[in-house]
Amino acid sequence: MKPSLGLRGLLVLFSLPWTCAGNWSVVKVHCSYFWFCAKIKPTLFHNLYMNPDEVFLGDDCSVTYVSPDAHYEFFYYSNKCGIITKTFQETLLLQTKIKYISSNSRDTAEMPVSCVITKQAC
């Protein structure tokens, strides 16, 4: 009976992040040593439509471009907006978040975003 409960708990553990994550195709991240770019759909948070002035990268950095195909872009230097850089041997990890603050209600939401840069051998 205990193995069955353990397996059931493991199934719940693995299905929970997938359910909470929603549709990951709504976020695209690109980065280099010098810049961080995130491209998101306005329906990033559970099909809740966000206006460009309600969504931020990291420490309140606003949308830099609204594309005609209904995407919002954030394009900032990697040392701005509270972007955290971690170094692991030959790899850099850039971490920040997408933050939603509704202008019409008290609704807020956050989603962590990361980008990995590996050093290329010459």
PDB file of N, CA and C in Angstrom:
ATOM      1  N   MET A   1       0.818  -1.193   0.000  1.00  0.00           N
ATOM      2  CA  MET A   1       0.000   0.000   0.000  1.00  0.00           C
ATOM      3  C   MET A   1       0.862   1.258   0.000  1.00  0.00           C
ATOM      4  N   LYS A   2       1.970   1.253   0.731  1.00  0.00           N
ATOM      5  CA  LYS A   2       2.829   2.430   0.768  1.00  0.00           C
ATOM      6  C   LYS A   2       3.444   2.760  -0.593  1.00  0.00           C
ATOM      7  N   PRO A   3       3.923   1.766  -1.372  1.00  0.00           N
ATOM      8  CA  PRO A   3       4.450   2.109  -2.689  1.00  0.00           C
ATOM      9  C   PRO A   3       3.402   2.763  -3.579  1.00  0.00           C
ATOM     10  N   SER A   4       2.158   2.337  -3.458  1.00  0.00           N
ATOM     11  CA  SER A   4       1.088   2.925  -4.255  1.00  0.00           C
ATOM     12  C   SER A   4       0.889   4.394  -3.891  1.00  0.00           C
ATOM     13  N   LEU A   5       0.908   4.701  -2.601  1.00  0.00           N
ATOM     14  CA  LEU A   5       0.772   6.089  -2.163  1.00  0.00           C
ATOM     15  C   LEU A   5       1.953   6.926  -2.626  1.00  0.00           C
ATOM     16  N   GLY A   6       3.153   6.355  -2.568  1.00  0.00           N
ATOM     17  CA  GLY A   6       4.341   7.078  -3.020  1.00  0.00           C
ATOM     18  C   GLY A   6       4.274   7.390  -4.501  1.00  0.00           C
ATOM     19  N   LEU A   7       3.834   6.435  -5.288  1.00  0.00           N
ATOM     20  CA  LEU A   7       3.702   6.627  -6.724  1.00  0.00           C
ATOM     21  C   LEU A   7       2.640   7.673  -7.035  1.00  0.00           C
ATOM     22  N   ARG A   8       1.531   7.623  -6.310  1.00  0.00           N
ATOM     23  CA  ARG A   8       0.467   8.602  -6.493  1.00  0.00           C
ATOM     24  C   ARG A   8       0.957  10.007  -6.130  1.00  0.00           C
ATOM     25  N   GLY A   9       1.712  10.118  -5.041  1.00  0.00           N
ATOM     26  CA  GLY A   9       2.269  11.411  -4.640  1.00  0.00           C
ATOM     27  C   GLY A   9       3.248  11.948  -5.662  1.00  0.00           C
ATOM     28  N   LEU A  10       4.050  11.053  -6.237  1.00  0.00           N
ATOM     29  CA  LEU A  10       5.003  11.448  -7.264  1.00  0.00           C
ATOM     30  C   LEU A  10       4.277  11.937  -8.512  1.00  0.00           C
ATOM     31  N   LEU A  11       3.200  11.267  -8.877  1.00  0.00           N
ATOM     32  CA  LEU A  11       2.402  11.679 -10.024  1.00  0.00           C
ATOM     33  C   LEU A  11       1.818  13.072  -9.797  1.00  0.00           C
ATOM     34  N   VAL A  12       1.297  13.321  -8.611  1.00  0.00           N
ATOM     35  CA  VAL A  12       0.758  14.642  -8.280  1.00  0.00           C
ATOM     36  C   VAL A  12       1.863  15.688  -8.332  1.00  0.00           C
ATOM     37  N   LEU A  13       3.037  15.362  -7.822  1.00  0.00           N
ATOM     38  CA  LEU A  13       4.165  16.292  -7.818  1.00  0.00           C
ATOM     39  C   LEU A  13       4.564  16.678  -9.233  1.00  0.00           C
ATOM     40  N   PHE A  14       4.629  15.712 -10.153  1.00  0.00           N
ATOM     41  CA  PHE A  14       5.029  16.012 -11.522  1.00  0.00           C
ATOM     42  C   PHE A  14       3.931  16.687 -12.328  1.00  0.00           C
ATOM     43  N   SER A  15       2.677  16.419 -12.028  1.00  0.00           N
ATOM     44  CA  SER A  15       1.598  17.029 -12.790  1.00  0.00           C
ATOM     45  C   SER A  15       1.308  18.446 -12.317  1.00  0.00           C
ATOM     46  N   LEU A  16       1.637  18.767 -11.083  1.00  0.00           N
ATOM     47  CA  LEU A  16       1.363  20.094 -10.546  1.00  0.00           C
ATOM     48  C   LEU A  16       2.123  21.193 -11.277  1.00  0.00           C
ATOM     49  N   PRO A  17       3.457  21.094 -11.453  1.00  0.00           N
ATOM     50  CA  PRO A  17       4.148  22.164 -12.176  1.00  0.00           C
ATOM     51  C   PRO A  17       3.628  22.328 -13.601  1.00  0.00           C
ATOM     52  N   TRP A  18       3.280  21.232 -14.261  1.00  0.00           N
ATOM     53  CA  TRP A  18       2.776  21.332 -15.628  1.00  0.00           C
ATOM     54  C   TRP A  18       1.453  22.095 -15.651  1.00  0.00           C
ATOM     55  N   THR A  19       0.574  21.805 -14.706  1.00  0.00           N
ATOM     56  CA  THR A  19      -0.718  22.474 -14.629  1.00  0.00           C
ATOM     57  C   THR A  19      -0.555  23.955 -14.317  1.00  0.00           C
ATOM     58  N   CYS A  20       0.323  24.279 -13.393  1.00  0.00           N
ATOM     59  CA  CYS A  20       0.512  25.674 -12.999  1.00  0.00           C
ATOM     60  C   CYS A  20       1.248  26.471 -14.064  1.00  0.00           C
ATOM     61  N   ALA A  21       2.076  25.807 -14.837  1.00  0.00           N
ATOM     62  CA  ALA A  21       2.903  26.514 -15.808  1.00  0.00           C
ATOM     63  C   ALA A  21       2.078  27.058 -16.963  1.00  0.00           C
ATOM     64  N   GLY A  22       1.026  26.397 -17.335  1.00  0.00           N
ATOM     65  CA  GLY A  22       0.237  26.859 -18.455  1.00  0.00           C
ATOM     66  C   GLY A  22       0.942  26.558 -19.769  1.00  0.00           C
ATOM     67  N   ASN A  23       0.817  27.459 -20.724  1.00  0.00           N
ATOM     68  CA  ASN A  23       1.368  27.260 -22.056  1.00  0.00           C
ATOM     69  C   ASN A  23       2.729  27.941 -22.159  1.00  0.00           C
ATOM     70  N   TRP A  24       3.806  27.145 -22.169  1.00  0.00           N
ATOM     71  CA  TRP A  24       5.161  27.719 -22.198  1.00  0.00           C
ATOM     72  C   TRP A  24       5.508  28.323 -23.548  1.00  0.00           C
ATOM     73  N   SER A  25       4.704  28.082 -24.596  1.00  0.00           N
ATOM     74  CA  SER A  25       5.000  28.660 -25.903  1.00  0.00           C
ATOM     75  C   SER A  25       4.734  30.158 -25.936  1.00  0.00           C
ATOM     76  N   VAL A  26       4.191  30.713 -24.885  1.00  0.00           N
ATOM     77  CA  VAL A  26       3.912  32.148 -24.848  1.00  0.00           C
ATOM     78  C   VAL A  26       5.123  32.960 -24.399  1.00  0.00           C
ATOM     79  N   VAL A  27       6.241  32.303 -24.079  1.00  0.00           N
ATOM     80  CA  VAL A  27       7.460  32.995 -23.642  1.00  0.00           C
ATOM     81  C   VAL A  27       8.643  32.519 -24.475  1.00  0.00           C
ATOM     82  N   LYS A  28       9.396  33.458 -25.022  1.00  0.00           N
ATOM     83  CA  LYS A  28      10.645  33.137 -25.717  1.00  0.00           C
ATOM     84  C   LYS A  28      11.726  34.044 -25.151  1.00  0.00           C
ATOM     85  N   VAL A  29      12.850  33.450 -24.782  1.00  0.00           N
ATOM     86  CA  VAL A  29      13.935  34.212 -24.165  1.00  0.00           C
ATOM     87  C   VAL A  29      15.217  33.994 -24.960  1.00  0.00           C
ATOM     88  N   HIS A  30      15.933  35.081 -25.214  1.00  0.00           N
ATOM     89  CA  HIS A  30      17.239  35.050 -25.863  1.00  0.00           C
ATOM     90  C   HIS A  30      18.166  35.938 -25.054  1.00  0.00           C
ATOM     91  N   CYS A  31      19.447  35.581 -25.011  1.00  0.00           N
ATOM     92  CA  CYS A  31      20.370  36.421 -24.255  1.00  0.00           C
ATOM     93  C   CYS A  31      21.793  36.269 -24.773  1.00  0.00           C
ATOM     94  N   SER A  32      22.634  37.191 -24.347  1.00  0.00           N
ATOM     95  CA  SER A  32      24.068  37.129 -24.592  1.00  0.00           C
ATOM     96  C   SER A  32      24.735  37.655 -23.328  1.00  0.00           C
ATOM     97  N   TYR A  33      26.040  37.834 -23.381  1.00  0.00           N
ATOM     98  CA  TYR A  33      26.737  38.400 -22.226  1.00  0.00           C
ATOM     99  C   TYR A  33      26.246  39.812 -21.925  1.00  0.00           C
ATOM    100  N   PHE A  34      25.765  40.512 -22.946  1.00  0.00           N
ATOM    101  CA  PHE A  34      25.462  41.930 -22.802  1.00  0.00           C
ATOM    102  C   PHE A  34      23.979  42.278 -22.779  1.00  0.00           C
ATOM    103  N   TRP A  35      23.098  41.417 -23.269  1.00  0.00           N
ATOM    104  CA  TRP A  35      21.683  41.761 -23.329  1.00  0.00           C
ATOM    105  C   TRP A  35      20.788  40.577 -22.984  1.00  0.00           C
ATOM    106  N   PHE A  36      19.554  40.920 -22.631  1.00  0.00           N
ATOM    107  CA  PHE A  36      18.522  39.941 -22.275  1.00  0.00           C
ATOM    108  C   PHE A  36      17.260  40.334 -23.028  1.00  0.00           C
ATOM    109  N   CYS A  37      16.694  39.409 -23.768  1.00  0.00           N
ATOM    110  CA  CYS A  37      15.484  39.682 -24.540  1.00  0.00           C
ATOM    111  C   CYS A  37      14.423  38.636 -24.214  1.00  0.00           C
ATOM    112  N   ALA A  38      13.254  39.092 -23.838  1.00  0.00           N
ATOM    113  CA  ALA A  38      12.117  38.195 -23.599  1.00  0.00           C
ATOM    114  C   ALA A  38      10.964  38.666 -24.472  1.00  0.00           C
ATOM    115  N   LYS A  39      10.339  37.724 -25.158  1.00  0.00           N
ATOM    116  CA  LYS A  39       9.197  38.014 -26.015  1.00  0.00           C
ATOM    117  C   LYS A  39       8.020  37.209 -25.466  1.00  0.00           C
ATOM    118  N   ILE A  40       6.926  37.899 -25.128  1.00  0.00           N
ATOM    119  CA  ILE A  40       5.781  37.229 -24.506  1.00  0.00           C
ATOM    120  C   ILE A  40       4.487  37.573 -25.233  1.00  0.00           C
ATOM    121  N   LYS A  41       3.508  36.699 -25.070  1.00  0.00           N
ATOM    122  CA  LYS A  41       2.162  36.994 -25.557  1.00  0.00           C
ATOM    123  C   LYS A  41       1.409  37.735 -24.456  1.00  0.00           C
ATOM    124  N   PRO A  42       0.475  38.598 -24.817  1.00  0.00           N
ATOM    125  CA  PRO A  42      -0.299  39.329 -23.802  1.00  0.00           C
ATOM    126  C   PRO A  42      -1.183  38.440 -22.942  1.00  0.00           C
ATOM    127  N   THR A  43      -1.323  37.172 -23.300  1.00  0.00           N
ATOM    128  CA  THR A  43      -2.145  36.232 -22.531  1.00  0.00           C
ATOM    129  C   THR A  43      -1.265  35.254 -21.759  1.00  0.00           C
ATOM    130  N   LEU A  44      -0.126  35.696 -21.312  1.00  0.00           N
ATOM    131  CA  LEU A  44       0.848  34.860 -20.616  1.00  0.00           C
ATOM    132  C   LEU A  44       0.261  34.188 -19.378  1.00  0.00           C
ATOM    133  N   PHE A  45      -0.494  34.910 -18.584  1.00  0.00           N
ATOM    134  CA  PHE A  45      -1.013  34.392 -17.320  1.00  0.00           C
ATOM    135  C   PHE A  45      -2.448  33.899 -17.462  1.00  0.00           C
ATOM    136  N   HIS A  46      -2.607  32.596 -17.728  1.00  0.00           N
ATOM    137  CA  HIS A  46      -3.908  31.919 -17.754  1.00  0.00           C
ATOM    138  C   HIS A  46      -4.941  32.646 -18.615  1.00  0.00           C
ATOM    139  N   ASN A  47      -4.536  33.035 -19.814  1.00  0.00           N
ATOM    140  CA  ASN A  47      -5.412  33.700 -20.784  1.00  0.00           C
ATOM    141  C   ASN A  47      -6.002  35.013 -20.281  1.00  0.00           C
ATOM    142  N   LEU A  48      -5.355  35.623 -19.329  1.00  0.00           N
ATOM    143  CA  LEU A  48      -5.729  36.954 -18.863  1.00  0.00           C
ATOM    144  C   LEU A  48      -5.005  37.957 -19.752  1.00  0.00           C
ATOM    145  N   TYR A  49      -5.726  38.814 -20.449  1.00  0.00           N
ATOM    146  CA  TYR A  49      -5.086  39.765 -21.357  1.00  0.00           C
ATOM    147  C   TYR A  49      -4.418  40.886 -20.565  1.00  0.00           C
ATOM    148  N   MET A  50      -3.155  41.132 -20.874  1.00  0.00           N
ATOM    149  CA  MET A  50      -2.386  42.194 -20.210  1.00  0.00           C
ATOM    150  C   MET A  50      -2.123  43.316 -21.205  1.00  0.00           C
ATOM    151  N   ASN A  51      -2.330  44.531 -20.796  1.00  0.00           N
ATOM    152  CA  ASN A  51      -1.931  45.679 -21.600  1.00  0.00           C
ATOM    153  C   ASN A  51      -0.426  45.883 -21.438  1.00  0.00           C
ATOM    154  N   PRO A  52       0.241  46.513 -22.412  1.00  0.00           N
ATOM    155  CA  PRO A  52       1.696  46.679 -22.318  1.00  0.00           C
ATOM    156  C   PRO A  52       2.152  47.474 -21.092  1.00  0.00           C
ATOM    157  N   ASP A  53       1.300  48.342 -20.579  1.00  0.00           N
ATOM    158  CA  ASP A  53       1.691  49.130 -19.408  1.00  0.00           C
ATOM    159  C   ASP A  53       1.434  48.398 -18.089  1.00  0.00           C
ATOM    160  N   GLU A  54       0.989  47.137 -18.159  1.00  0.00           N
ATOM    161  CA  GLU A  54       0.709  46.349 -16.959  1.00  0.00           C
ATOM    162  C   GLU A  54       1.716  45.225 -16.735  1.00  0.00           C
ATOM    163  N   VAL A  55       2.659  45.065 -17.630  1.00  0.00           N
ATOM    164  CA  VAL A  55       3.610  43.955 -17.537  1.00  0.00           C
ATOM    165  C   VAL A  55       5.039  44.500 -17.536  1.00  0.00           C
ATOM    166  N   PHE A  56       5.887  43.883 -16.694  1.00  0.00           N
ATOM    167  CA  PHE A  56       7.237  44.398 -16.482  1.00  0.00           C
ATOM    168  C   PHE A  56       8.247  43.259 -16.446  1.00  0.00           C
ATOM    169  N   LEU A  57       9.481  43.596 -16.757  1.00  0.00           N
ATOM    170  CA  LEU A  57      10.587  42.659 -16.626  1.00  0.00           C
ATOM    171  C   LEU A  57      11.362  43.030 -15.376  1.00  0.00           C
ATOM    172  N   GLY A  58      11.548  42.081 -14.486  1.00  0.00           N
ATOM    173  CA  GLY A  58      12.359  42.303 -13.285  1.00  0.00           C
ATOM    174  C   GLY A  58      11.886  43.461 -12.441  1.00  0.00           C
ATOM    175  N   ASP A  59      12.799  44.399 -12.191  1.00  0.00           N
ATOM    176  CA  ASP A  59      12.518  45.559 -11.337  1.00  0.00           C
ATOM    177  C   ASP A  59      11.824  46.673 -12.108  1.00  0.00           C
ATOM    178  N   ASP A  60      10.611  46.423 -12.549  1.00  0.00           N
ATOM    179  CA  ASP A  60       9.762  47.433 -13.172  1.00  0.00           C
ATOM    180  C   ASP A  60      10.290  48.008 -14.481  1.00  0.00           C
ATOM    181  N   CYS A  61      10.945  47.198 -15.299  1.00  0.00           N
ATOM    182  CA  CYS A  61      11.357  47.626 -16.636  1.00  0.00           C
ATOM    183  C   CYS A  61      10.203  47.356 -17.600  1.00  0.00           C
ATOM    184  N   SER A  62       9.775  48.385 -18.290  1.00  0.00           N
ATOM    185  CA  SER A  62       8.578  48.288 -19.121  1.00  0.00           C
ATOM    186  C   SER A  62       8.851  47.610 -20.464  1.00  0.00           C
ATOM    187  N   VAL A  63       7.775  47.319 -21.163  1.00  0.00           N
ATOM    188  CA  VAL A  63       7.847  46.729 -22.500  1.00  0.00           C
ATOM    189  C   VAL A  63       8.587  47.707 -23.409  1.00  0.00           C
ATOM    190  N   THR A  64       9.545  47.199 -24.189  1.00  0.00           N
ATOM    191  CA  THR A  64      10.306  48.073 -25.090  1.00  0.00           C
ATOM    192  C   THR A  64       9.729  48.105 -26.498  1.00  0.00           C
ATOM    193  N   TYR A  65       8.939  47.088 -26.861  1.00  0.00           N
ATOM    194  CA  TYR A  65       8.389  47.041 -28.219  1.00  0.00           C
ATOM    195  C   TYR A  65       7.122  46.190 -28.228  1.00  0.00           C
ATOM    196  N   VAL A  66       6.092  46.683 -28.898  1.00  0.00           N
ATOM    197  CA  VAL A  66       4.870  45.909 -29.122  1.00  0.00           C
ATOM    198  C   VAL A  66       4.860  45.552 -30.604  1.00  0.00           C
ATOM    199  N   SER A  67       4.968  44.266 -30.911  1.00  0.00           N
ATOM    200  CA  SER A  67       5.062  43.840 -32.311  1.00  0.00           C
ATOM    201  C   SER A  67       3.675  43.756 -32.948  1.00  0.00           C
ATOM    202  N   PRO A  68       3.612  43.870 -34.271  1.00  0.00           N
ATOM    203  CA  PRO A  68       2.320  43.785 -34.966  1.00  0.00           C
ATOM    204  C   PRO A  68       1.624  42.433 -34.788  1.00  0.00           C
ATOM    205  N   ASP A  69       2.399  41.373 -34.512  1.00  0.00           N
ATOM    206  CA  ASP A  69       1.784  40.051 -34.312  1.00  0.00           C
ATOM    207  C   ASP A  69       1.385  39.822 -32.853  1.00  0.00           C
ATOM    208  N   ALA A  70       1.166  40.905 -32.128  1.00  0.00           N
ATOM    209  CA  ALA A  70       0.639  40.876 -30.752  1.00  0.00           C
ATOM    210  C   ALA A  70       1.572  40.198 -29.760  1.00  0.00           C
ATOM    211  N   HIS A  71       2.833  40.533 -29.803  1.00  0.00           N
ATOM    212  CA  HIS A  71       3.807  40.102 -28.802  1.00  0.00           C
ATOM    213  C   HIS A  71       4.397  41.340 -28.145  1.00  0.00           C
ATOM    214  N   TYR A  72       4.755  41.189 -26.878  1.00  0.00           N
ATOM    215  CA  TYR A  72       5.460  42.254 -26.170  1.00  0.00           C
ATOM    216  C   TYR A  72       6.915  41.831 -26.028  1.00  0.00           C
ATOM    217  N   GLU A  73       7.822  42.771 -26.264  1.00  0.00           N
ATOM    218  CA  GLU A  73       9.244  42.468 -26.138  1.00  0.00           C
ATOM    219  C   GLU A  73       9.882  43.324 -25.058  1.00  0.00           C
ATOM    220  N   PHE A  74      10.777  42.691 -24.329  1.00  0.00           N
ATOM    221  CA  PHE A  74      11.639  43.369 -23.364  1.00  0.00           C
ATOM    222  C   PHE A  74      13.061  43.176 -23.871  1.00  0.00           C
ATOM    223  N   PHE A  75      13.773  44.245 -24.110  1.00  0.00           N
ATOM    224  CA  PHE A  75      15.148  44.153 -24.602  1.00  0.00           C
ATOM    225  C   PHE A  75      15.997  45.094 -23.744  1.00  0.00           C
ATOM    226  N   TYR A  76      16.793  44.510 -22.856  1.00  0.00           N
ATOM    227  CA  TYR A  76      17.577  45.298 -21.908  1.00  0.00           C
ATOM    228  C   TYR A  76      18.986  44.729 -21.764  1.00  0.00           C
ATOM    229  N   TYR A  77      19.903  45.598 -21.333  1.00  0.00           N
ATOM    230  CA  TYR A  77      21.248  45.125 -20.990  1.00  0.00           C
ATOM    231  C   TYR A  77      21.129  44.127 -19.847  1.00  0.00           C
ATOM    232  N   SER A  78      22.004  43.160 -19.825  1.00  0.00           N
ATOM    233  CA  SER A  78      21.915  42.092 -18.821  1.00  0.00           C
ATOM    234  C   SER A  78      22.268  42.557 -17.410  1.00  0.00           C
ATOM    235  N   ASN A  79      22.748  43.790 -17.259  1.00  0.00           N
ATOM    236  CA  ASN A  79      23.029  44.316 -15.920  1.00  0.00           C
ATOM    237  C   ASN A  79      21.948  45.306 -15.457  1.00  0.00           C
ATOM    238  N   LYS A  80      20.827  45.360 -16.153  1.00  0.00           N
ATOM    239  CA  LYS A  80      19.711  46.245 -15.797  1.00  0.00           C
ATOM    240  C   LYS A  80      18.530  45.428 -15.277  1.00  0.00           C
ATOM    241  N   CYS A  81      17.519  46.107 -14.795  1.00  0.00           N
ATOM    242  CA  CYS A  81      16.221  45.513 -14.415  1.00  0.00           C
ATOM    243  C   CYS A  81      16.315  44.476 -13.300  1.00  0.00           C
ATOM    244  N   GLY A  82      17.394  44.462 -12.553  1.00  0.00           N
ATOM    245  CA  GLY A  82      17.539  43.479 -11.489  1.00  0.00           C
ATOM    246  C   GLY A  82      17.812  42.077 -12.002  1.00  0.00           C
ATOM    247  N   ILE A  83      18.306  41.962 -13.231  1.00  0.00           N
ATOM    248  CA  ILE A  83      18.646  40.649 -13.785  1.00  0.00           C
ATOM    249  C   ILE A  83      19.839  40.104 -13.010  1.00  0.00           C
ATOM    250  N   ILE A  84      19.695  38.906 -12.487  1.00  0.00           N
ATOM    251  CA  ILE A  84      20.739  38.272 -11.677  1.00  0.00           C
ATOM    252  C   ILE A  84      21.588  37.391 -12.580  1.00  0.00           C
ATOM    253  N   THR A  85      22.907  37.556 -12.492  1.00  0.00           N
ATOM    254  CA  THR A  85      23.836  36.738 -13.269  1.00  0.00           C
ATOM    255  C   THR A  85      24.586  35.815 -12.328  1.00  0.00           C
ATOM    256  N   LYS A  86      24.523  34.518 -12.616  1.00  0.00           N
ATOM    257  CA  LYS A  86      25.256  33.520 -11.832  1.00  0.00           C
ATOM    258  C   LYS A  86      26.246  32.824 -12.754  1.00  0.00           C
ATOM    259  N   THR A  87      27.450  32.574 -12.239  1.00  0.00           N
ATOM    260  CA  THR A  87      28.498  31.941 -13.028  1.00  0.00           C
ATOM    261  C   THR A  87      28.760  30.537 -12.514  1.00  0.00           C
ATOM    262  N   PHE A  88      28.771  29.577 -13.435  1.00  0.00           N
ATOM    263  CA  PHE A  88      29.084  28.186 -13.126  1.00  0.00           C
ATOM    264  C   PHE A  88      30.116  27.708 -14.140  1.00  0.00           C
ATOM    265  N   GLN A  89      31.371  27.672 -13.779  1.00  0.00           N
ATOM    266  CA  GLN A  89      32.476  27.240 -14.637  1.00  0.00           C
ATOM    267  C   GLN A  89      32.387  27.892 -16.013  1.00  0.00           C
ATOM    268  N   GLU A  90      31.941  27.180 -17.015  1.00  0.00           N
ATOM    269  CA  GLU A  90      31.878  27.686 -18.389  1.00  0.00           C
ATOM    270  C   GLU A  90      30.482  28.186 -18.776  1.00  0.00           C
ATOM    271  N   THR A  91      29.637  28.431 -17.792  1.00  0.00           N
ATOM    272  CA  THR A  91      28.241  28.765 -18.066  1.00  0.00           C
ATOM    273  C   THR A  91      27.802  29.983 -17.259  1.00  0.00           C
ATOM    274  N   LEU A  92      27.009  30.847 -17.895  1.00  0.00           N
ATOM    275  CA  LEU A  92      26.364  31.963 -17.207  1.00  0.00           C
ATOM    276  C   LEU A  92      24.860  31.709 -17.185  1.00  0.00           C
ATOM    277  N   LEU A  93      24.244  31.977 -16.056  1.00  0.00           N
ATOM    278  CA  LEU A  93      22.800  31.857 -15.909  1.00  0.00           C
ATOM    279  C   LEU A  93      22.250  33.245 -15.602  1.00  0.00           C
ATOM    280  N   LEU A  94      21.363  33.745 -16.464  1.00  0.00           N
ATOM    281  CA  LEU A  94      20.696  35.026 -16.238  1.00  0.00           C
ATOM    282  C   LEU A  94      19.284  34.734 -15.756  1.00  0.00           C
ATOM    283  N   GLN A  95      18.905  35.326 -14.621  1.00  0.00           N
ATOM    284  CA  GLN A  95      17.589  35.071 -14.029  1.00  0.00           C
ATOM    285  C   GLN A  95      16.871  36.382 -13.746  1.00  0.00           C
ATOM    286  N   THR A  96      15.584  36.414 -14.043  1.00  0.00           N
ATOM    287  CA  THR A  96      14.734  37.550 -13.718  1.00  0.00           C
ATOM    288  C   THR A  96      13.287  37.050 -13.667  1.00  0.00           C
ATOM    289  N   LYS A  97      12.336  37.937 -13.827  1.00  0.00           N
ATOM    290  CA  LYS A  97      10.928  37.529 -13.790  1.00  0.00           C
ATOM    291  C   LYS A  97      10.103  38.450 -14.672  1.00  0.00           C
ATOM    292  N   ILE A  98       8.977  37.929 -15.123  1.00  0.00           N
ATOM    293  CA  ILE A  98       7.955  38.725 -15.793  1.00  0.00           C
ATOM    294  C   ILE A  98       6.899  38.999 -14.729  1.00  0.00           C
ATOM    295  N   LYS A  99       6.549  40.262 -14.581  1.00  0.00           N
ATOM    296  CA  LYS A  99       5.627  40.654 -13.511  1.00  0.00           C
ATOM    297  C   LYS A  99       4.414  41.369 -14.115  1.00  0.00           C
ATOM    298  N   TYR A 100       3.224  40.965 -13.695  1.00  0.00           N
ATOM    299  CA  TYR A 100       1.974  41.585 -14.133  1.00  0.00           C
ATOM    300  C   TYR A 100       1.341  42.307 -12.957  1.00  0.00           C
ATOM    301  N   ILE A 101       0.982  43.572 -13.167  1.00  0.00           N
ATOM    302  CA  ILE A 101       0.267  44.364 -12.161  1.00  0.00           C
ATOM    303  C   ILE A 101      -0.923  45.004 -12.868  1.00  0.00           C
ATOM    304  N   SER A 102      -2.120  44.556 -12.544  1.00  0.00           N
ATOM    305  CA  SER A 102      -3.327  45.063 -13.193  1.00  0.00           C
ATOM    306  C   SER A 102      -3.549  46.532 -12.852  1.00  0.00           C
ATOM    307  N   SER A 103      -3.976  47.288 -13.848  1.00  0.00           N
ATOM    308  CA  SER A 103      -4.291  48.696 -13.603  1.00  0.00           C
ATOM    309  C   SER A 103      -5.745  48.876 -13.168  1.00  0.00           C
ATOM    310  N   ASN A 104      -6.571  47.819 -13.295  1.00  0.00           N
ATOM    311  CA  ASN A 104      -7.994  47.912 -12.958  1.00  0.00           C
ATOM    312  C   ASN A 104      -8.395  47.166 -11.699  1.00  0.00           C
ATOM    313  N   SER A 105      -7.487  46.368 -11.151  1.00  0.00           N
ATOM    314  CA  SER A 105      -7.824  45.579  -9.964  1.00  0.00           C
ATOM    315  C   SER A 105      -6.556  45.371  -9.139  1.00  0.00           C
ATOM    316  N   ARG A 106      -6.662  44.526  -8.140  1.00  0.00           N
ATOM    317  CA  ARG A 106      -5.499  44.216  -7.305  1.00  0.00           C
ATOM    318  C   ARG A 106      -4.769  42.964  -7.796  1.00  0.00           C
ATOM    319  N   ASP A 107      -5.120  42.476  -8.977  1.00  0.00           N
ATOM    320  CA  ASP A 107      -4.503  41.264  -9.512  1.00  0.00           C
ATOM    321  C   ASP A 107      -3.028  41.483  -9.824  1.00  0.00           C
ATOM    322  N   THR A 108      -2.215  40.514  -9.421  1.00  0.00           N
ATOM    323  CA  THR A 108      -0.793  40.504  -9.756  1.00  0.00           C
ATOM    324  C   THR A 108      -0.379  39.064 -10.050  1.00  0.00           C
ATOM    325  N   ALA A 109       0.684  38.924 -10.806  1.00  0.00           N
ATOM    326  CA  ALA A 109       1.226  37.596 -11.101  1.00  0.00           C
ATOM    327  C   ALA A 109       2.695  37.749 -11.468  1.00  0.00           C
ATOM    328  N   GLU A 110       3.462  36.697 -11.233  1.00  0.00           N
ATOM    329  CA  GLU A 110       4.880  36.690 -11.582  1.00  0.00           C
ATOM    330  C   GLU A 110       5.244  35.348 -12.184  1.00  0.00           C
ATOM    331  N   MET A 111       6.204  35.373 -13.098  1.00  0.00           N
ATOM    332  CA  MET A 111       6.733  34.142 -13.681  1.00  0.00           C
ATOM    333  C   MET A 111       8.249  34.288 -13.810  1.00  0.00           C
ATOM    334  N   PRO A 112       9.010  33.364 -13.237  1.00  0.00           N
ATOM    335  CA  PRO A 112      10.464  33.437 -13.388  1.00  0.00           C
ATOM    336  C   PRO A 112      10.871  33.097 -14.823  1.00  0.00           C
ATOM    337  N   VAL A 113      11.877  33.789 -15.322  1.00  0.00           N
ATOM    338  CA  VAL A 113      12.453  33.481 -16.632  1.00  0.00           C
ATOM    339  C   VAL A 113      13.967  33.434 -16.494  1.00  0.00           C
ATOM    340  N   SER A 114      14.581  32.545 -17.250  1.00  0.00           N
ATOM    341  CA  SER A 114      16.029  32.357 -17.189  1.00  0.00           C
ATOM    342  C   SER A 114      16.579  32.155 -18.584  1.00  0.00           C
ATOM    343  N   CYS A 115      17.872  32.392 -18.707  1.00  0.00           N
ATOM    344  CA  CYS A 115      18.565  32.160 -19.964  1.00  0.00           C
ATOM    345  C   CYS A 115      19.975  31.686 -19.636  1.00  0.00           C
ATOM    346  N   VAL A 116      20.463  30.706 -20.382  1.00  0.00           N
ATOM    347  CA  VAL A 116      21.783  30.123 -20.137  1.00  0.00           C
ATOM    348  C   VAL A 116      22.712  30.462 -21.295  1.00  0.00           C
ATOM    349  N   ILE A 117      23.919  30.892 -20.949  1.00  0.00           N
ATOM    350  CA  ILE A 117      24.949  31.193 -21.940  1.00  0.00           C
ATOM    351  C   ILE A 117      26.138  30.292 -21.646  1.00  0.00           C
ATOM    352  N   THR A 118      26.572  29.544 -22.648  1.00  0.00           N
ATOM    353  CA  THR A 118      27.760  28.707 -22.468  1.00  0.00           C
ATOM    354  C   THR A 118      28.903  29.285 -23.279  1.00  0.00           C
ATOM    355  N   LYS A 119      30.110  29.217 -22.719  1.00  0.00           N
ATOM    356  CA  LYS A 119      31.291  29.709 -23.426  1.00  0.00           C
ATOM    357  C   LYS A 119      31.628  28.741 -24.548  1.00  0.00           C
ATOM    358  N   GLN A 120      31.867  29.286 -25.715  1.00  0.00           N
ATOM    359  CA  GLN A 120      32.213  28.468 -26.877  1.00  0.00           C
ATOM    360  C   GLN A 120      33.721  28.274 -26.937  1.00  0.00           C
ATOM    361  N   ALA A 121      34.159  27.077 -27.258  1.00  0.00           N
ATOM    362  CA  ALA A 121      35.590  26.806 -27.413  1.00  0.00           C
ATOM    363  C   ALA A 121      36.074  27.419 -28.721  1.00  0.00           C
ATOM    364  N   CYS A 122      37.269  27.983 -28.692  1.00  0.00           N
ATOM    365  CA  CYS A 122      37.828  28.617 -29.900  1.00  0.00           C
ATOM    366  C   CYS A 122      38.461  27.601 -30.812  1.00  0.00           C
TER     367      CYS A 122
END
